Amino acid sequence: MPICAADRPPLIRAVELAEAALACGDEPFGSVLVAAGGEVLFEDHNHVAGGDHTQHPEFAIARWAAQHLSPADRAAATVYTSGEHCPMCSAAHGWVGLGRIVYASSSAQLSEWLTALGVPPGPVQTLPIQAIVPGVVVDGPDPELAQRVRALHVARLGGRP
């Protein structure tokens, strides 16, 4: 199912959380967990600036969901995120049985942007979510919000938009 009007508010909120992360001196990623009925259950942004590169918001969502939601509620929930999950977060998503993922920008886009800004590849290979969690429903990117996310990464790295 493609990104629809009902997806826009939580997806925009995920980008706002990425902006908040950047304002705190962190990498610009944000995520929101929404119940099947539309209630925002949990939201977070990156906390990797302190050196623990596992402190991704998607990973925090998976841990929170495992502790607070039934398997059925996890499967019915949607994760909205400013950037497509990395392999670590994809695996966490799959292991706890979360449902649909909607992202503003893709991992492929992020790789292209970082390469253009002269950033060397990270220690973990970039893979699409479905390469890690086959069968999960994934929608994205959102062309308008992807440009907003790109601007955040450019700002973080001091490059030109």
C-alpha atoms as a PDB file:
ATOM      1  CA  MET A   1       0.000   0.000   0.000  1.00  0.00           C
ATOM      2  CA  PRO A   2       1.539   3.320  -0.999  1.00  0.00           C
ATOM      3  CA  ILE A   3       2.078   6.262   1.317  1.00  0.00           C
ATOM      4  CA  CYS A   4      -1.308   7.927   1.815  1.00  0.00           C
ATOM      5  CA  ALA A   5      -2.670  11.089   3.443  1.00  0.00           C
ATOM      6  CA  ALA A   6      -3.066   9.320   6.821  1.00  0.00           C
ATOM      7  CA  ASP A   7       0.654   8.471   6.751  1.00  0.00           C
ATOM      8  CA  ARG A   8       1.765  12.076   6.341  1.00  0.00           C
ATOM      9  CA  PRO A   9       1.416  13.370   9.947  1.00  0.00           C
ATOM     10  CA  PRO A  10       3.463  10.597  11.619  1.00  0.00           C
ATOM     11  CA  LEU A  11       5.985  10.622   8.765  1.00  0.00           C
ATOM     12  CA  ILE A  12       6.378  14.388   9.122  1.00  0.00           C
ATOM     13  CA  ARG A  13       6.767  13.887  12.880  1.00  0.00           C
ATOM     14  CA  ALA A  14       9.587  11.404  12.228  1.00  0.00           C
ATOM     15  CA  VAL A  15      11.375  14.068  10.168  1.00  0.00           C
ATOM     16  CA  GLU A  16      10.779  16.619  12.950  1.00  0.00           C
ATOM     17  CA  LEU A  17      12.421  14.188  15.373  1.00  0.00           C
ATOM     18  CA  ALA A  18      15.369  13.931  12.979  1.00  0.00           C
ATOM     19  CA  GLU A  19      15.580  17.731  13.078  1.00  0.00           C
ATOM     20  CA  ALA A  20      15.544  17.581  16.887  1.00  0.00           C
ATOM     21  CA  ALA A  21      18.367  15.037  16.828  1.00  0.00           C
ATOM     22  CA  LEU A  22      20.448  17.326  14.650  1.00  0.00           C
ATOM     23  CA  ALA A  23      19.710  20.277  16.968  1.00  0.00           C
ATOM     24  CA  CYS A  24      21.061  18.134  19.849  1.00  0.00           C
ATOM     25  CA  GLY A  25      24.281  17.475  17.922  1.00  0.00           C
ATOM     26  CA  ASP A  26      23.297  13.996  16.814  1.00  0.00           C
ATOM     27  CA  GLU A  27      22.787  12.300  13.467  1.00  0.00           C
ATOM     28  CA  PRO A  28      19.410  13.272  11.971  1.00  0.00           C
ATOM     29  CA  PHE A  29      17.159  10.239  12.317  1.00  0.00           C
ATOM     30  CA  GLY A  30      13.747  10.043  13.971  1.00  0.00           C
ATOM     31  CA  SER A  31      11.010   7.414  14.238  1.00  0.00           C
ATOM     32  CA  VAL A  32       7.432   7.058  15.464  1.00  0.00           C
ATOM     33  CA  LEU A  33       5.491   3.904  16.393  1.00  0.00           C
ATOM     34  CA  VAL A  34       1.757   4.133  15.676  1.00  0.00           C
ATOM     35  CA  ALA A  35      -0.902   1.639  16.775  1.00  0.00           C
ATOM     36  CA  ALA A  36      -3.403   0.191  14.320  1.00  0.00           C
ATOM     37  CA  GLY A  37      -5.987   2.697  15.599  1.00  0.00           C
ATOM     38  CA  GLY A  38      -3.716   5.699  14.943  1.00  0.00           C
ATOM     39  CA  GLU A  39      -2.453   6.320  18.487  1.00  0.00           C
ATOM     40  CA  VAL A  40       1.202   7.346  18.751  1.00  0.00           C
ATOM     41  CA  LEU A  41       2.735   4.793  21.097  1.00  0.00           C
ATOM     42  CA  PHE A  42       6.421   5.725  21.146  1.00  0.00           C
ATOM     43  CA  GLU A  43       8.783   8.114  19.412  1.00  0.00           C
ATOM     44  CA  ASP A  44      12.494   8.751  19.571  1.00  0.00           C
ATOM     45  CA  HIS A  45      15.485  10.102  17.668  1.00  0.00           C
ATOM     46  CA  ASN A  46      19.111   9.070  17.276  1.00  0.00           C
ATOM     47  CA  HIS A  47      21.342   9.090  20.355  1.00  0.00           C
ATOM     48  CA  VAL A  48      24.628   7.965  18.803  1.00  0.00           C
ATOM     49  CA  ALA A  49      26.650  11.134  19.457  1.00  0.00           C
ATOM     50  CA  GLY A  50      27.929   9.643  22.728  1.00  0.00           C
ATOM     51  CA  GLY A  51      29.653   6.839  20.816  1.00  0.00           C
ATOM     52  CA  ASP A  52      27.109   4.005  21.111  1.00  0.00           C
ATOM     53  CA  HIS A  53      26.103   3.512  17.496  1.00  0.00           C
ATOM     54  CA  THR A  54      23.326   1.099  18.423  1.00  0.00           C
ATOM     55  CA  GLN A  55      21.202   3.927  19.827  1.00  0.00           C
ATOM     56  CA  HIS A  56      18.973   4.209  16.753  1.00  0.00           C
ATOM     57  CA  PRO A  57      15.313   5.188  17.206  1.00  0.00           C
ATOM     58  CA  GLU A  58      14.090   2.156  15.233  1.00  0.00           C
ATOM     59  CA  PHE A  59      15.983  -0.147  17.587  1.00  0.00           C
ATOM     60  CA  ALA A  60      14.486   1.695  20.592  1.00  0.00           C
ATOM     61  CA  ILE A  61      11.023   1.216  19.092  1.00  0.00           C
ATOM     62  CA  ALA A  62      11.608  -2.520  18.695  1.00  0.00           C
ATOM     63  CA  ARG A  63      12.760  -2.862  22.311  1.00  0.00           C
ATOM     64  CA  TRP A  64       9.846  -0.781  23.608  1.00  0.00           C
ATOM     65  CA  ALA A  65       7.310  -2.725  21.537  1.00  0.00           C
ATOM     66  CA  ALA A  66       8.674  -6.081  22.752  1.00  0.00           C
ATOM     67  CA  GLN A  67       8.198  -4.957  26.355  1.00  0.00           C
ATOM     68  CA  HIS A  68       4.830  -3.203  26.047  1.00  0.00           C
ATOM     69  CA  LEU A  69       2.781  -4.715  23.213  1.00  0.00           C
ATOM     70  CA  SER A  70       1.297  -8.107  22.503  1.00  0.00           C
ATOM     71  CA  PRO A  71       2.515  -9.898  19.375  1.00  0.00           C
ATOM     72  CA  ALA A  72      -0.776  -9.056  17.633  1.00  0.00           C
ATOM     73  CA  ASP A  73      -0.494  -5.356  18.508  1.00  0.00           C
ATOM     74  CA  ARG A  74       3.118  -5.273  17.309  1.00  0.00           C
ATOM     75  CA  ALA A  75       2.143  -6.842  13.985  1.00  0.00           C
ATOM     76  CA  ALA A  76      -0.686  -4.323  13.527  1.00  0.00           C
ATOM     77  CA  ALA A  77       1.488  -1.283  14.344  1.00  0.00           C
ATOM     78  CA  THR A  78       3.319   0.902  11.827  1.00  0.00           C
ATOM     79  CA  VAL A  79       6.802   2.366  12.194  1.00  0.00           C
ATOM     80  CA  TYR A  80       7.301   5.745  10.542  1.00  0.00           C
ATOM     81  CA  THR A  81      10.885   6.810  10.127  1.00  0.00           C
ATOM     82  CA  SER A  82      12.901   9.592   8.556  1.00  0.00           C
ATOM     83  CA  GLY A  83      15.299   7.081   6.998  1.00  0.00           C
ATOM     84  CA  GLU A  84      14.990   3.463   5.953  1.00  0.00           C
ATOM     85  CA  HIS A  85      16.130   1.047   8.662  1.00  0.00           C
ATOM     86  CA  CYS A  86      19.747  -0.070   8.735  1.00  0.00           C
ATOM     87  CA  PRO A  87      20.354  -3.853   8.854  1.00  0.00           C
ATOM     88  CA  MET A  88      20.564  -3.829  12.679  1.00  0.00           C
ATOM     89  CA  CYS A  89      17.230  -2.043  13.031  1.00  0.00           C
ATOM     90  CA  SER A  90      15.622  -4.149  10.299  1.00  0.00           C
ATOM     91  CA  ALA A  91      16.601  -7.298  12.184  1.00  0.00           C
ATOM     92  CA  ALA A  92      15.231  -5.924  15.465  1.00  0.00           C
ATOM     93  CA  HIS A  93      11.984  -5.011  13.672  1.00  0.00           C
ATOM     94  CA  GLY A  94      11.694  -8.531  12.301  1.00  0.00           C
ATOM     95  CA  TRP A  95      12.613 -10.295  15.548  1.00  0.00           C
ATOM     96  CA  VAL A  96       9.892  -8.511  17.551  1.00  0.00           C
ATOM     97  CA  GLY A  97       7.310  -8.884  14.765  1.00  0.00           C
ATOM     98  CA  LEU A  98       6.474  -5.259  14.075  1.00  0.00           C
ATOM     99  CA  GLY A  99       4.239  -4.465  11.106  1.00  0.00           C
ATOM    100  CA  ARG A 100       4.476  -2.011   8.250  1.00  0.00           C
ATOM    101  CA  ILE A 101       7.370   0.432   7.821  1.00  0.00           C
ATOM    102  CA  VAL A 102       6.986   3.820   6.129  1.00  0.00           C
ATOM    103  CA  TYR A 103      10.112   5.877   5.498  1.00  0.00           C
ATOM    104  CA  ALA A 104      10.782   9.379   4.178  1.00  0.00           C
ATOM    105  CA  SER A 105      14.165   8.580   2.616  1.00  0.00           C
ATOM    106  CA  SER A 106      15.755   5.321   1.511  1.00  0.00           C
ATOM    107  CA  SER A 107      19.097   3.823   2.457  1.00  0.00           C
ATOM    108  CA  ALA A 108      20.099   4.051  -1.205  1.00  0.00           C
ATOM    109  CA  GLN A 109      19.386   7.786  -1.183  1.00  0.00           C
ATOM    110  CA  LEU A 110      21.362   8.258   2.026  1.00  0.00           C
ATOM    111  CA  SER A 111      24.314   6.359   0.550  1.00  0.00           C
ATOM    112  CA  GLU A 112      24.232   8.573  -2.549  1.00  0.00           C
ATOM    113  CA  TRP A 113      24.059  11.761  -0.460  1.00  0.00           C
ATOM    114  CA  LEU A 114      26.903  10.726   1.828  1.00  0.00           C
ATOM    115  CA  THR A 115      29.081   9.646  -1.093  1.00  0.00           C
ATOM    116  CA  ALA A 116      28.481  13.020  -2.763  1.00  0.00           C
ATOM    117  CA  LEU A 117      29.536  14.717   0.478  1.00  0.00           C
ATOM    118  CA  GLY A 118      32.762  12.689   0.601  1.00  0.00           C
ATOM    119  CA  VAL A 119      31.795  10.485   3.546  1.00  0.00           C
ATOM    120  CA  PRO A 120      33.434   7.040   3.423  1.00  0.00           C
ATOM    121  CA  PRO A 121      31.168   3.984   3.695  1.00  0.00           C
ATOM    122  CA  GLY A 122      30.253   2.855   7.203  1.00  0.00           C
ATOM    123  CA  PRO A 123      31.237  -0.458   8.787  1.00  0.00           C
ATOM    124  CA  VAL A 124      27.900  -2.148   7.941  1.00  0.00           C
ATOM    125  CA  GLN A 125      26.675  -2.804   4.420  1.00  0.00           C
ATOM    126  CA  THR A 126      23.641  -0.827   3.293  1.00  0.00           C
ATOM    127  CA  LEU A 127      20.769  -3.182   2.508  1.00  0.00           C
ATOM    128  CA  PRO A 128      17.071  -2.642   1.884  1.00  0.00           C
ATOM    129  CA  ILE A 129      14.798  -3.659   4.760  1.00  0.00           C
ATOM    130  CA  GLN A 130      13.269  -6.521   2.784  1.00  0.00           C
ATOM    131  CA  ALA A 131      16.703  -8.100   2.297  1.00  0.00           C
ATOM    132  CA  ILE A 132      16.764  -8.569   6.084  1.00  0.00           C
ATOM    133  CA  VAL A 133      13.039  -9.059   6.799  1.00  0.00           C
ATOM    134  CA  PRO A 134      11.422 -10.682   3.762  1.00  0.00           C
ATOM    135  CA  GLY A 135       7.705 -10.143   3.558  1.00  0.00           C
ATOM    136  CA  VAL A 136       7.483  -7.017   5.708  1.00  0.00           C
ATOM    137  CA  VAL A 137       5.359  -4.304   4.118  1.00  0.00           C
ATOM    138  CA  VAL A 138       7.538  -1.286   3.347  1.00  0.00           C
ATOM    139  CA  ASP A 139       6.545   2.014   1.741  1.00  0.00           C
ATOM    140  CA  GLY A 140       8.826   4.880   0.808  1.00  0.00           C
ATOM    141  CA  PRO A 141      10.544   7.049   0.021  1.00  0.00           C
ATOM    142  CA  ASP A 142       8.446  10.199   0.075  1.00  0.00           C
ATOM    143  CA  PRO A 143       9.970  12.570  -2.529  1.00  0.00           C
ATOM    144  CA  GLU A 144       9.142  15.796  -0.677  1.00  0.00           C
ATOM    145  CA  LEU A 145      10.244  14.639   2.760  1.00  0.00           C
ATOM    146  CA  ALA A 146      13.327  12.924   1.355  1.00  0.00           C
ATOM    147  CA  GLN A 147      14.610  16.327   0.276  1.00  0.00           C
ATOM    148  CA  ARG A 148      14.045  17.650   3.790  1.00  0.00           C
ATOM    149  CA  VAL A 149      16.001  14.705   5.196  1.00  0.00           C
ATOM    150  CA  ARG A 150      18.770  15.252   2.661  1.00  0.00           C
ATOM    151  CA  ALA A 151      19.087  18.875   3.804  1.00  0.00           C
ATOM    152  CA  LEU A 152      19.545  17.666   7.397  1.00  0.00           C
ATOM    153  CA  HIS A 153      22.419  15.381   6.423  1.00  0.00           C
ATOM    154  CA  VAL A 154      23.998  18.139   4.359  1.00  0.00           C
ATOM    155  CA  ALA A 155      23.704  20.534   7.307  1.00  0.00           C
ATOM    156  CA  ARG A 156      25.241  17.982   9.688  1.00  0.00           C
ATOM    157  CA  LEU A 157      28.216  17.466   7.407  1.00  0.00           C
ATOM    158  CA  GLY A 158      28.660  21.125   6.469  1.00  0.00           C
ATOM    159  CA  GLY A 159      28.129  20.527   2.764  1.00  0.00           C
ATOM    160  CA  ARG A 160      26.132  22.374   0.172  1.00  0.00           C
ATOM    161  CA  PRO A 161      22.528  21.320  -0.456  1.00  0.00           C
END
